[in-house]
């Protein structure tokens, strides 16, 4: 009997989006809520041979892996798991398999523009006003003729910049190592950081989280932004200094923020962001679509079957196969 744990299946959809019954002699358990501590995770997951994760919702440090004596396979979704200690997994002889990303880049781009439009046109506040019996309570901001500042032009940021023209926007971009040629490839103009924040009507963040990018938007950057400007973050919460952002929203230094990512996820029920009316909040669902999940779970099932047959697929820590 192979014991399989599926963690962080918030919507309870994993079993319906993969052919889990095709895994012979398996017992599958689904955990639909995050563990509140490493101790709780260790106790719950200790009996399992296979651990199936959803993106980076749960950290898997060496201290936790050491407490999972039966673990033989970790299945991660997408091409990597930033919060997994892969070296520790390899040391313990645990295979780490991954899936493809499906169309998660496209769906995150869609989420970015959804947040941008909702924040610019006050859709959340107007929806609430309508439900209270009101009608046309405030003025929104059109995007045509505005300037979009894109921070980082990777797979997602590059598409965001390229799509700006479809909305009649002018795109400008900045990151620490960006060149004018790279910006131009995506239809954007390279500017320095201060110019981007001072002159953009909408700023959208698309950087990988690291020591250099952590807190790339702080009180200084919010001070540069125009009072009508909007910040969009669909990348990682810690790119923005949260306290500075909340201060900027409360003091109306900027108009609004659209967020799909947070310092702590899930966002605590009493978090101050939940009480601000100039924030559009999305629960980190840029990649959360039926199509992407179907890819993740179907390929996870393939990975488990391949591992059990002795021919692991899509292995991230290939060194473990030499043991």
Protein backbone atom coordinates (compact mmCIF):
# COMPACT_ATOMS: atom_id res chain seq x y z
CA UNK A 1 0.00 0.00 0.00
CA UNK A 2 1.33 3.41 -1.02
CA UNK A 3 0.12 6.24 1.18
CA UNK A 4 -0.27 9.52 -0.68
CA UNK A 5 -0.92 12.94 0.85
CA UNK A 6 -2.28 15.86 -1.17
CA UNK A 7 -1.70 19.08 0.75
CA UNK A 8 -3.24 22.56 0.51
CA UNK A 9 -6.10 21.55 -1.76
CA UNK A 10 -8.08 24.62 -0.68
CA UNK A 11 -10.94 24.06 -3.12
CA UNK A 12 -11.12 20.27 -2.67
CA UNK A 13 -10.74 19.69 -6.41
CA UNK A 14 -7.55 17.62 -6.72
CA UNK A 15 -9.26 14.24 -6.82
CA UNK A 16 -11.60 15.36 -9.62
CA UNK A 17 -8.83 16.73 -11.85
CA UNK A 18 -6.51 13.73 -12.08
CA UNK A 19 -6.94 10.00 -12.63
CA UNK A 20 -5.90 9.08 -9.10
CA UNK A 21 -7.73 5.73 -9.34
CA UNK A 22 -5.12 4.65 -11.89
CA UNK A 23 -2.52 4.43 -9.10
CA UNK A 24 -2.61 0.81 -7.97
CA UNK A 25 -2.86 -0.10 -4.30
CA UNK A 26 -2.86 3.49 -3.04
CA UNK A 27 -4.48 5.21 -0.11
CA UNK A 28 -4.96 8.93 -0.77
CA UNK A 29 -5.61 11.59 1.86
CA UNK A 30 -6.46 15.21 1.06
CA UNK A 31 -5.59 18.13 3.36
CA UNK A 32 -7.67 21.15 2.38
CA UNK A 33 -6.40 23.58 5.01
CA UNK A 34 -2.85 24.80 5.70
CA UNK A 35 -1.03 23.37 8.68
CA UNK A 36 -0.73 25.89 11.48
CA UNK A 37 2.78 24.79 12.48
CA UNK A 38 5.62 22.53 11.47
CA UNK A 39 4.78 20.27 14.39
CA UNK A 40 1.24 19.80 13.10
CA UNK A 41 2.54 19.10 9.60
CA UNK A 42 5.08 16.58 10.87
CA UNK A 43 2.48 14.69 12.88
CA UNK A 44 -0.07 14.62 10.05
CA UNK A 45 2.36 13.71 7.26
CA UNK A 46 4.66 11.23 9.04
CA UNK A 47 2.84 8.10 7.75
CA UNK A 48 2.96 9.04 4.05
CA UNK A 49 5.20 7.71 1.30
CA UNK A 50 4.30 10.39 -1.26
CA UNK A 51 3.67 14.08 -0.70
CA UNK A 52 1.87 16.11 -3.39
CA UNK A 53 2.13 19.88 -2.96
CA UNK A 54 0.38 22.81 -4.62
CA UNK A 55 2.87 25.45 -5.73
CA UNK A 56 4.62 27.04 -2.72
CA UNK A 57 1.79 27.04 -0.23
CA UNK A 58 3.70 24.93 2.31
CA UNK A 59 7.36 25.22 3.25
CA UNK A 60 9.36 21.98 3.24
CA UNK A 61 12.59 22.74 5.13
CA UNK A 62 15.10 20.12 6.21
CA UNK A 63 13.71 20.22 9.76
CA UNK A 64 10.33 19.00 8.49
CA UNK A 65 11.71 16.46 6.00
CA UNK A 66 13.73 14.89 8.81
CA UNK A 67 10.47 14.15 10.62
CA UNK A 68 8.88 12.31 7.69
CA UNK A 69 10.52 8.87 7.92
CA UNK A 70 8.42 7.15 5.25
CA UNK A 71 8.70 9.83 2.58
CA UNK A 72 10.05 8.59 -0.77
CA UNK A 73 8.60 11.01 -3.32
CA UNK A 74 7.66 14.70 -3.33
CA UNK A 75 5.55 15.90 -6.26
CA UNK A 76 5.66 19.66 -6.78
CA UNK A 77 3.54 21.60 -9.27
CA UNK A 78 5.21 23.82 -11.81
CA UNK A 79 8.92 23.84 -12.52
CA UNK A 80 10.25 24.41 -9.00
CA UNK A 81 9.37 24.86 -5.32
CA UNK A 82 11.19 27.80 -3.77
CA UNK A 83 10.31 26.73 -0.20
CA UNK A 84 11.53 23.15 -0.57
CA UNK A 85 15.00 22.24 0.67
CA UNK A 86 15.86 20.14 -2.36
CA UNK A 87 19.36 19.35 -1.12
CA UNK A 88 17.90 17.94 2.09
CA UNK A 89 15.46 15.83 0.09
CA UNK A 90 18.32 14.47 -2.02
CA UNK A 91 20.38 13.71 1.08
CA UNK A 92 17.51 11.67 2.45
CA UNK A 93 17.02 9.82 -0.84
CA UNK A 94 13.68 11.46 -1.59
CA UNK A 95 12.89 11.95 -5.29
CA UNK A 96 11.42 15.34 -6.24
CA UNK A 97 9.30 15.33 -9.40
CA UNK A 98 7.68 18.38 -10.96
CA UNK A 99 5.01 19.14 -13.56
CA UNK A 100 4.84 21.56 -16.44
CA UNK A 101 3.34 24.99 -15.75
CA UNK A 102 0.35 24.59 -18.05
CA UNK A 103 -0.82 28.01 -19.13
CA UNK A 104 -0.15 29.60 -15.73
CA UNK A 105 1.82 32.48 -17.29
CA UNK A 106 -1.18 33.45 -19.41
CA UNK A 107 -3.59 33.16 -16.50
CA UNK A 108 -1.37 35.35 -14.29
CA UNK A 109 -1.24 37.97 -17.05
CA UNK A 110 -5.04 37.87 -17.15
CA UNK A 111 -5.19 38.31 -13.37
CA UNK A 112 -2.86 41.29 -13.56
CA UNK A 113 -5.10 43.12 -15.99
CA UNK A 114 -8.22 42.08 -14.06
CA UNK A 115 -6.81 43.71 -10.93
CA UNK A 116 -5.67 46.74 -12.93
CA UNK A 117 -9.12 47.30 -14.44
CA UNK A 118 -10.93 46.65 -11.16
CA UNK A 119 -8.74 49.12 -9.29
CA UNK A 120 -8.85 51.78 -12.01
CA UNK A 121 -12.64 51.64 -12.41
CA UNK A 122 -13.45 51.15 -8.69
CA UNK A 123 -15.37 47.97 -9.51
CA UNK A 124 -15.27 46.50 -6.01
CA UNK A 125 -16.50 49.68 -4.32
CA UNK A 126 -19.19 50.22 -6.95
CA UNK A 127 -20.33 46.61 -6.59
CA UNK A 128 -20.73 47.12 -2.85
CA UNK A 129 -22.52 50.43 -3.42
CA UNK A 130 -24.92 48.81 -5.86
CA UNK A 131 -25.78 46.11 -3.32
CA UNK A 132 -26.53 48.90 -0.85
CA UNK A 133 -29.01 50.46 -3.27
CA UNK A 134 -26.73 53.21 -4.59
CA UNK A 135 -25.81 54.21 -8.15
CA UNK A 136 -22.63 55.74 -9.64
CA UNK A 137 -20.92 56.90 -6.46
CA UNK A 138 -17.49 57.93 -7.82
CA UNK A 139 -15.35 58.45 -10.91
CA UNK A 140 -12.95 55.85 -12.21
CA UNK A 141 -9.75 56.25 -14.23
CA UNK A 142 -9.53 55.15 -17.86
CA UNK A 143 -6.40 53.34 -18.97
CA UNK A 144 -6.20 54.65 -22.53
CA UNK A 145 -3.49 57.31 -22.82
CA UNK A 146 -2.01 56.36 -19.43
CA UNK A 147 1.50 55.15 -18.68
CA UNK A 148 2.09 51.61 -17.40
CA UNK A 149 5.30 51.08 -15.45
CA UNK A 150 6.47 47.45 -15.50
CA UNK A 151 9.03 46.43 -12.90
CA UNK A 152 10.76 43.38 -14.35
CA UNK A 153 10.32 42.03 -17.90
CA UNK A 154 10.47 38.28 -17.52
CA UNK A 155 7.95 35.80 -18.92
CA UNK A 156 4.99 37.60 -17.30
CA UNK A 157 6.25 41.19 -17.18
CA UNK A 158 7.21 41.04 -20.84
CA UNK A 159 3.67 40.03 -21.80
CA UNK A 160 2.19 42.74 -19.60
CA UNK A 161 4.30 45.39 -21.33
CA UNK A 162 3.47 44.04 -24.77
CA UNK A 163 -0.27 44.07 -24.04
CA UNK A 164 -0.26 47.66 -22.79
CA UNK A 165 -0.76 48.99 -26.31
CA UNK A 166 -4.00 46.99 -26.62
CA UNK A 167 -5.40 49.24 -23.89
CA UNK A 168 -3.95 52.36 -25.48
CA UNK A 169 -1.28 52.60 -22.79
CA UNK A 170 2.38 53.52 -23.09
CA UNK A 171 4.73 51.03 -21.43
CA UNK A 172 7.93 51.89 -19.61
CA UNK A 173 10.07 49.49 -17.64
CA UNK A 174 12.83 49.18 -15.07
CA UNK A 175 14.80 46.51 -13.27
CA UNK A 176 18.34 46.44 -11.95
CA UNK A 177 19.89 44.75 -14.99
CA UNK A 178 17.49 45.71 -17.75
CA UNK A 179 18.81 47.11 -21.02
CA UNK A 180 17.10 49.48 -23.44
CA UNK A 181 17.21 46.74 -26.08
CA UNK A 182 15.47 44.23 -23.80
CA UNK A 183 12.76 46.75 -22.95
CA UNK A 184 12.22 47.62 -26.60
CA UNK A 185 11.70 43.94 -27.46
CA UNK A 186 8.52 44.09 -25.38
CA UNK A 187 7.37 47.49 -26.65
CA UNK A 188 8.58 49.35 -23.57
CA UNK A 189 10.96 52.24 -22.92
CA UNK A 190 13.71 51.78 -20.34
CA UNK A 191 13.67 54.40 -17.57
CA UNK A 192 15.33 54.65 -14.18
CA UNK A 193 13.48 53.52 -11.09
CA UNK A 194 12.54 56.97 -9.79
CA UNK A 195 11.23 58.07 -13.18
CA UNK A 196 9.10 54.95 -13.45
CA UNK A 197 7.44 55.47 -10.08
CA UNK A 198 7.02 59.24 -10.52
CA UNK A 199 5.52 59.14 -14.01
CA UNK A 200 3.55 55.88 -14.20
CA UNK A 201 -0.20 55.91 -13.70
CA UNK A 202 -0.11 52.16 -13.01
CA UNK A 203 2.92 50.25 -11.65
CA UNK A 204 2.92 46.47 -12.01
CA UNK A 205 5.51 44.26 -10.27
CA UNK A 206 7.02 41.23 -12.01
CA UNK A 207 10.26 40.31 -10.22
CA UNK A 208 11.50 37.06 -8.73
CA UNK A 209 11.69 37.39 -4.95
CA UNK A 210 15.28 37.50 -3.69
CA UNK A 211 17.50 39.52 -1.42
CA UNK A 212 17.91 42.28 -4.01
CA UNK A 213 14.20 42.50 -4.81
CA UNK A 214 12.75 42.14 -1.31
CA UNK A 215 11.18 45.47 -0.36
CA UNK A 216 11.84 46.93 -3.81
CA UNK A 217 8.77 49.10 -3.18
CA UNK A 218 8.97 50.92 0.16
CA UNK A 219 7.99 54.27 1.66
CA UNK A 220 10.36 56.08 -0.72
CA UNK A 221 8.72 54.61 -3.82
CA UNK A 222 5.21 55.30 -2.51
CA UNK A 223 6.34 58.88 -1.90
CA UNK A 224 7.37 59.14 -5.56
CA UNK A 225 4.03 57.89 -6.90
CA UNK A 226 1.25 60.22 -8.03
CA UNK A 227 -1.93 60.49 -5.90
CA UNK A 228 -4.04 58.91 -8.66
CA UNK A 229 -1.56 56.07 -9.28
CA UNK A 230 -2.26 52.37 -8.79
CA UNK A 231 0.11 49.56 -7.73
CA UNK A 232 -0.47 45.97 -8.89
CA UNK A 233 1.35 42.99 -7.37
CA UNK A 234 0.81 39.50 -8.76
CA UNK A 235 4.38 38.30 -8.10
CA UNK A 236 5.30 37.94 -4.42
CA UNK A 237 4.07 39.84 -1.37
CA UNK A 238 7.49 40.70 0.14
CA UNK A 239 8.46 42.68 -2.96
CA UNK A 240 6.51 45.46 -1.23
CA UNK A 241 7.06 46.81 2.27
CA UNK A 242 3.64 45.99 3.65
CA UNK A 243 3.59 48.62 6.40
CA UNK A 244 4.56 51.36 3.93
CA UNK A 245 1.85 50.19 1.54
CA UNK A 246 -0.84 50.27 4.21
CA UNK A 247 0.29 53.77 5.23
CA UNK A 248 0.17 54.94 1.61
CA UNK A 249 -3.36 53.58 1.21
CA UNK A 250 -4.66 55.03 4.47
CA UNK A 251 -3.15 58.46 3.81
CA UNK A 252 -4.27 58.42 0.14
CA UNK A 253 -0.70 58.90 -1.10
CA UNK A 254 -1.82 56.66 -3.94
CA UNK A 255 -5.26 55.84 -5.29
CA UNK A 256 -5.42 52.07 -5.00
CA UNK A 257 -3.62 48.74 -4.91
CA UNK A 258 -4.53 45.45 -6.59
CA UNK A 259 -3.05 42.41 -4.82
CA UNK A 260 -2.92 38.71 -5.55
CA UNK A 261 0.02 37.96 -3.22
CA UNK A 262 0.82 38.69 0.43
CA UNK A 263 3.54 38.44 3.06
CA UNK A 264 1.53 35.77 4.89
CA UNK A 265 -0.70 33.38 2.96
CA UNK A 266 -3.52 32.71 3.51
CA UNK A 267 -4.04 36.32 4.60
CA UNK A 268 -5.04 36.37 8.31
CA UNK A 269 -8.75 37.14 8.86
CA UNK A 270 -8.02 40.28 10.88
CA UNK A 271 -5.31 41.66 8.60
CA UNK A 272 -5.64 45.44 8.06
CA UNK A 273 -5.66 45.03 4.28
CA UNK A 274 -9.07 43.40 4.60
CA UNK A 275 -10.56 46.60 6.03
CA UNK A 276 -9.25 49.09 3.44
CA UNK A 277 -11.68 50.07 0.69
CA UNK A 278 -9.01 51.17 -1.81
CA UNK A 279 -7.53 47.67 -2.16
CA UNK A 280 -8.69 44.98 -4.58
CA UNK A 281 -7.88 41.66 -2.92
CA UNK A 282 -7.49 38.34 -4.73
CA UNK A 283 -6.49 35.17 -2.81
CA UNK A 284 -3.35 34.29 -4.83
CA UNK A 285 -5.31 32.83 -7.71
CA UNK A 286 -3.31 34.07 -10.67
CA UNK A 287 -2.58 30.43 -11.56
CA UNK A 288 -5.77 29.02 -10.02
CA UNK A 289 -7.83 27.95 -13.01
CA UNK A 290 -9.38 24.64 -13.97
CA UNK A 291 -7.05 24.31 -16.94
CA UNK A 292 -3.86 24.84 -14.94
CA UNK A 293 -4.99 22.58 -12.11
CA UNK A 294 -5.91 19.82 -14.58
CA UNK A 295 -2.34 19.93 -15.92
CA UNK A 296 -0.84 19.94 -12.43
CA UNK A 297 -2.87 17.01 -11.09
CA UNK A 298 -2.83 14.83 -14.20
CA UNK A 299 0.95 15.14 -14.47
CA UNK A 300 1.33 14.54 -10.73
CA UNK A 301 -0.52 11.25 -11.16
CA UNK A 302 1.81 10.38 -14.06
CA UNK A 303 4.82 11.18 -11.87
CA UNK A 304 3.60 8.92 -9.06
CA UNK A 305 2.86 6.02 -11.39
CA UNK A 306 6.26 6.39 -13.05
CA UNK A 307 8.03 6.47 -9.68
CA UNK A 308 6.22 3.37 -8.46
CA UNK A 309 7.15 1.57 -11.68
CA UNK A 310 10.82 2.33 -11.06
CA UNK A 311 11.24 4.95 -13.82
CA UNK A 312 10.70 8.39 -12.24
CA UNK A 313 9.59 11.23 -14.52
CA UNK A 314 10.40 14.96 -14.51
CA UNK A 315 12.93 14.64 -11.68
CA UNK A 316 14.33 17.90 -10.30
CA UNK A 317 17.02 16.37 -8.07
CA UNK A 318 18.53 13.98 -10.61
CA UNK A 319 21.46 13.26 -8.29
CA UNK A 320 19.15 11.25 -6.08
CA UNK A 321 18.83 8.66 -8.86
CA UNK A 322 22.55 7.89 -8.54
CA UNK A 323 22.20 6.80 -4.93
